[in-house]
Amino acid sequence: MRAMMLATAESCTGGWVGEAVTAVPGSSNWFDRGFITYTNEAKQEMLGVSAATLEQHGAVSEQTVREMVSGALTNSRGQAALAISGIAGPGGGTLEKPVGTVWFAWGFAKGTVTSERRYFSGDRREVRRQAVECGLQGLLERLKGGCDGQD
């Protein structure tokens, strides 16, 4: 049986998830590719995130990460995908979306997309580190929990 392939779509983590994944020996057997989409234009061009979603909800939103994870699945050989978008700081936060706000989405080619918002504290590096850890942990939990839509 062939391993399930993973694709990632990262914004605030800037490829850190891909770095963590490829540090694992043998990851070429299950990691297809990572999209680093830091700008809104990159999210639109590489993942198909709609301009209307970005304009209405912003880059750091549930709607955006759900479109990012769907785009990662569509534009890769992945059967599983993780998307992350957040505000790592020190600037860029608002009252509605303070520094440390990070949205995650996990998707599976034969299943549903789930999403979650988390708030992390610390400096820019610490917020990003926690986002990478949370994203990968969430992926593992969903794989173990059977959220991939596989029978």
C-alpha atoms as a PDB file:
ATOM      1  CA  MET A   1       0.000   0.000   0.000  1.00  0.00           C
ATOM      2  CA  ARG A   2       1.345   3.402  -0.990  1.00  0.00           C
ATOM      3  CA  ALA A   3       1.745   6.022   1.730  1.00  0.00           C
ATOM      4  CA  MET A   4      -0.662   8.939   1.860  1.00  0.00           C
ATOM      5  CA  MET A   5       1.044  11.993   0.341  1.00  0.00           C
ATOM      6  CA  LEU A   6       1.110  15.312   2.198  1.00  0.00           C
ATOM      7  CA  ALA A   7       1.021  18.846   0.807  1.00  0.00           C
ATOM      8  CA  THR A   8       1.352  22.033   2.838  1.00  0.00           C
ATOM      9  CA  ALA A   9       0.281  25.637   2.306  1.00  0.00           C
ATOM     10  CA  GLU A  10       2.101  28.052   4.591  1.00  0.00           C
ATOM     11  CA  SER A  11       1.931  31.777   5.120  1.00  0.00           C
ATOM     12  CA  CYS A  12       3.221  33.030   8.499  1.00  0.00           C
ATOM     13  CA  THR A  13       5.397  29.946   9.028  1.00  0.00           C
ATOM     14  CA  GLY A  14       7.252  30.626   5.777  1.00  0.00           C
ATOM     15  CA  GLY A  15       8.181  27.032   4.969  1.00  0.00           C
ATOM     16  CA  TRP A  16       8.979  25.921   8.507  1.00  0.00           C
ATOM     17  CA  VAL A  17       6.447  23.067   8.297  1.00  0.00           C
ATOM     18  CA  GLY A  18       8.137  21.848   5.133  1.00  0.00           C
ATOM     19  CA  GLU A  19      11.523  22.083   6.834  1.00  0.00           C
ATOM     20  CA  ALA A  20      10.292  20.090   9.822  1.00  0.00           C
ATOM     21  CA  VAL A  21       8.726  17.441   7.606  1.00  0.00           C
ATOM     22  CA  THR A  22      11.757  17.029   5.345  1.00  0.00           C
ATOM     23  CA  ALA A  23      14.041  16.667   8.380  1.00  0.00           C
ATOM     24  CA  VAL A  24      12.458  13.231   8.849  1.00  0.00           C
ATOM     25  CA  PRO A  25      14.378  10.490   7.000  1.00  0.00           C
ATOM     26  CA  GLY A  26      12.183   8.894   4.343  1.00  0.00           C
ATOM     27  CA  SER A  27       9.815  11.858   4.096  1.00  0.00           C
ATOM     28  CA  SER A  28      10.178  11.757   0.309  1.00  0.00           C
ATOM     29  CA  ASN A  29       7.890   8.726   0.494  1.00  0.00           C
ATOM     30  CA  TRP A  30       5.000  10.783   1.895  1.00  0.00           C
ATOM     31  CA  PHE A  31       5.694  14.529   1.430  1.00  0.00           C
ATOM     32  CA  ASP A  32       4.755  15.794  -2.026  1.00  0.00           C
ATOM     33  CA  ARG A  33       5.279  19.556  -1.833  1.00  0.00           C
ATOM     34  CA  GLY A  34       4.878  22.739   0.121  1.00  0.00           C
ATOM     35  CA  PHE A  35       3.453  26.043  -1.042  1.00  0.00           C
ATOM     36  CA  ILE A  36       4.859  29.145   0.650  1.00  0.00           C
ATOM     37  CA  THR A  37       2.222  31.789  -0.017  1.00  0.00           C
ATOM     38  CA  TYR A  38       3.183  34.780   2.076  1.00  0.00           C
ATOM     39  CA  THR A  39       1.395  37.421   0.013  1.00  0.00           C
ATOM     40  CA  ASN A  40      -2.260  37.558  -0.954  1.00  0.00           C
ATOM     41  CA  GLU A  41      -1.193  37.427  -4.601  1.00  0.00           C
ATOM     42  CA  ALA A  42       0.689  34.174  -3.998  1.00  0.00           C
ATOM     43  CA  LYS A  43      -2.353  32.699  -2.252  1.00  0.00           C
ATOM     44  CA  GLN A  44      -4.457  33.567  -5.287  1.00  0.00           C
ATOM     45  CA  GLU A  45      -1.956  32.484  -7.962  1.00  0.00           C
ATOM     46  CA  MET A  46      -0.645  29.267  -6.402  1.00  0.00           C
ATOM     47  CA  LEU A  47      -3.659  28.028  -4.431  1.00  0.00           C
ATOM     48  CA  GLY A  48      -6.662  29.643  -6.080  1.00  0.00           C
ATOM     49  CA  VAL A  49      -7.772  31.594  -3.004  1.00  0.00           C
ATOM     50  CA  SER A  50     -10.406  34.025  -4.230  1.00  0.00           C
ATOM     51  CA  ALA A  51      -9.802  37.755  -4.174  1.00  0.00           C
ATOM     52  CA  ALA A  52     -13.275  38.166  -2.678  1.00  0.00           C
ATOM     53  CA  THR A  53     -12.384  35.921   0.273  1.00  0.00           C
ATOM     54  CA  LEU A  54      -9.190  37.848   0.947  1.00  0.00           C
ATOM     55  CA  GLU A  55     -10.951  41.202   0.631  1.00  0.00           C
ATOM     56  CA  GLN A  56     -13.928  40.249   2.795  1.00  0.00           C
ATOM     57  CA  HIS A  57     -12.235  38.112   5.465  1.00  0.00           C
ATOM     58  CA  GLY A  58      -8.505  38.846   5.204  1.00  0.00           C
ATOM     59  CA  ALA A  59      -5.525  36.527   4.873  1.00  0.00           C
ATOM     60  CA  VAL A  60      -5.792  35.421   8.498  1.00  0.00           C
ATOM     61  CA  SER A  61      -9.253  33.883   8.515  1.00  0.00           C
ATOM     62  CA  GLU A  62     -11.046  30.581   8.531  1.00  0.00           C
ATOM     63  CA  GLN A  63     -12.316  31.104   5.010  1.00  0.00           C
ATOM     64  CA  THR A  64      -8.821  31.771   3.659  1.00  0.00           C
ATOM     65  CA  VAL A  65      -7.130  28.743   5.251  1.00  0.00           C
ATOM     66  CA  ARG A  66      -9.950  26.506   4.059  1.00  0.00           C
ATOM     67  CA  GLU A  67      -9.393  27.732   0.499  1.00  0.00           C
ATOM     68  CA  MET A  68      -5.624  27.360   0.964  1.00  0.00           C
ATOM     69  CA  VAL A  69      -5.912  23.721   2.042  1.00  0.00           C
ATOM     70  CA  SER A  70      -8.280  22.956  -0.828  1.00  0.00           C
ATOM     71  CA  GLY A  71      -5.861  24.611  -3.243  1.00  0.00           C
ATOM     72  CA  ALA A  72      -2.952  22.604  -1.872  1.00  0.00           C
ATOM     73  CA  LEU A  73      -4.879  19.386  -2.486  1.00  0.00           C
ATOM     74  CA  THR A  74      -5.972  20.448  -5.970  1.00  0.00           C
ATOM     75  CA  ASN A  75      -2.493  21.555  -7.055  1.00  0.00           C
ATOM     76  CA  SER A  76      -0.509  18.592  -5.735  1.00  0.00           C
ATOM     77  CA  ARG A  77      -0.484  14.824  -5.483  1.00  0.00           C
ATOM     78  CA  GLY A  78      -1.404  15.139  -1.816  1.00  0.00           C
ATOM     79  CA  GLN A  79      -4.242  13.204  -0.256  1.00  0.00           C
ATOM     80  CA  ALA A  80      -3.715  15.159   2.978  1.00  0.00           C
ATOM     81  CA  ALA A  81      -2.936  18.841   3.379  1.00  0.00           C
ATOM     82  CA  LEU A  82      -2.238  21.387   6.093  1.00  0.00           C
ATOM     83  CA  ALA A  83      -2.663  25.161   5.704  1.00  0.00           C
ATOM     84  CA  ILE A  84      -1.508  27.849   8.134  1.00  0.00           C
ATOM     85  CA  SER A  85      -2.017  31.630   8.110  1.00  0.00           C
ATOM     86  CA  GLY A  86      -1.448  33.933  11.041  1.00  0.00           C
ATOM     87  CA  ILE A  87      -0.036  37.087  12.562  1.00  0.00           C
ATOM     88  CA  ALA A  88       3.383  36.323  14.011  1.00  0.00           C
ATOM     89  CA  GLY A  89       4.184  39.906  15.026  1.00  0.00           C
ATOM     90  CA  PRO A  90       5.553  42.036  16.366  1.00  0.00           C
ATOM     91  CA  GLY A  91       3.272  44.273  14.267  1.00  0.00           C
ATOM     92  CA  GLY A  92       0.226  43.612  12.137  1.00  0.00           C
ATOM     93  CA  GLY A  93      -2.245  42.791  14.883  1.00  0.00           C
ATOM     94  CA  THR A  94      -5.628  44.427  15.445  1.00  0.00           C
ATOM     95  CA  LEU A  95      -8.236  44.243  18.189  1.00  0.00           C
ATOM     96  CA  GLU A  96     -10.120  41.601  16.192  1.00  0.00           C
ATOM     97  CA  LYS A  97      -6.968  39.727  15.162  1.00  0.00           C
ATOM     98  CA  PRO A  98      -4.199  40.304  17.705  1.00  0.00           C
ATOM     99  CA  VAL A  99      -0.596  39.258  17.222  1.00  0.00           C
ATOM    100  CA  GLY A 100      -0.438  35.521  17.855  1.00  0.00           C
ATOM    101  CA  THR A 101      -3.693  34.725  16.025  1.00  0.00           C
ATOM    102  CA  VAL A 102      -3.196  31.717  13.756  1.00  0.00           C
ATOM    103  CA  TRP A 103      -5.741  29.859  11.638  1.00  0.00           C
ATOM    104  CA  PHE A 104      -5.214  26.243  10.615  1.00  0.00           C
ATOM    105  CA  ALA A 105      -7.007  24.006   8.132  1.00  0.00           C
ATOM    106  CA  TRP A 106      -6.521  20.293   7.576  1.00  0.00           C
ATOM    107  CA  GLY A 107      -7.969  18.638   4.514  1.00  0.00           C
ATOM    108  CA  PHE A 108      -8.135  15.221   2.927  1.00  0.00           C
ATOM    109  CA  ALA A 109      -8.836  14.363  -0.699  1.00  0.00           C
ATOM    110  CA  LYS A 110     -11.571  11.893   0.312  1.00  0.00           C
ATOM    111  CA  GLY A 111     -12.823  13.694   3.395  1.00  0.00           C
ATOM    112  CA  THR A 112     -13.848  16.974   4.857  1.00  0.00           C
ATOM    113  CA  VAL A 113     -11.855  20.076   5.679  1.00  0.00           C
ATOM    114  CA  THR A 114     -11.579  21.058   9.337  1.00  0.00           C
ATOM    115  CA  SER A 115     -10.290  24.350  10.670  1.00  0.00           C
ATOM    116  CA  GLU A 116      -9.303  25.860  13.978  1.00  0.00           C
ATOM    117  CA  ARG A 117      -8.133  29.208  15.352  1.00  0.00           C
ATOM    118  CA  ARG A 118      -5.470  29.385  18.033  1.00  0.00           C
ATOM    119  CA  TYR A 119      -3.809  32.214  19.923  1.00  0.00           C
ATOM    120  CA  PHE A 120      -0.115  31.946  20.756  1.00  0.00           C
ATOM    121  CA  SER A 121       2.061  34.155  22.932  1.00  0.00           C
ATOM    122  CA  GLY A 122       5.719  35.021  22.657  1.00  0.00           C
ATOM    123  CA  ASP A 123       7.927  36.751  20.138  1.00  0.00           C
ATOM    124  CA  ARG A 124       7.692  36.234  16.378  1.00  0.00           C
ATOM    125  CA  ARG A 125       9.861  33.113  16.374  1.00  0.00           C
ATOM    126  CA  GLU A 126       7.918  31.550  19.251  1.00  0.00           C
ATOM    127  CA  VAL A 127       4.523  32.214  17.638  1.00  0.00           C
ATOM    128  CA  ARG A 128       5.764  30.616  14.412  1.00  0.00           C
ATOM    129  CA  ARG A 129       7.289  27.641  16.250  1.00  0.00           C
ATOM    130  CA  GLN A 130       4.058  26.989  18.132  1.00  0.00           C
ATOM    131  CA  ALA A 131       2.088  27.259  14.883  1.00  0.00           C
ATOM    132  CA  VAL A 132       4.280  24.623  13.212  1.00  0.00           C
ATOM    133  CA  GLU A 133       3.933  22.298  16.195  1.00  0.00           C
ATOM    134  CA  CYS A 134       0.169  22.790  16.454  1.00  0.00           C
ATOM    135  CA  GLY A 135      -0.357  22.299  12.730  1.00  0.00           C
ATOM    136  CA  LEU A 136       1.572  19.044  12.612  1.00  0.00           C
ATOM    137  CA  GLN A 137       0.017  17.779  15.844  1.00  0.00           C
ATOM    138  CA  GLY A 138      -3.425  18.550  14.447  1.00  0.00           C
ATOM    139  CA  LEU A 139      -2.600  16.619  11.304  1.00  0.00           C
ATOM    140  CA  LEU A 140      -1.476  13.582  13.303  1.00  0.00           C
ATOM    141  CA  GLU A 141      -4.621  13.711  15.444  1.00  0.00           C
ATOM    142  CA  ARG A 142      -6.834  13.805  12.375  1.00  0.00           C
ATOM    143  CA  LEU A 143      -4.969  10.949  10.718  1.00  0.00           C
ATOM    144  CA  LYS A 144      -5.301   8.827  13.864  1.00  0.00           C
ATOM    145  CA  GLY A 145      -8.942   9.815  14.259  1.00  0.00           C
ATOM    146  CA  GLY A 146      -9.903   8.702  10.780  1.00  0.00           C
ATOM    147  CA  CYS A 147     -10.865  12.162   9.499  1.00  0.00           C
ATOM    148  CA  ASP A 148      -9.288  11.396   6.138  1.00  0.00           C
ATOM    149  CA  GLY A 149     -12.466   9.913   4.737  1.00  0.00           C
ATOM    150  CA  GLN A 150     -10.806   6.537   4.184  1.00  0.00           C
ATOM    151  CA  ASP A 151     -12.791   3.390   4.916  1.00  0.00           C
END
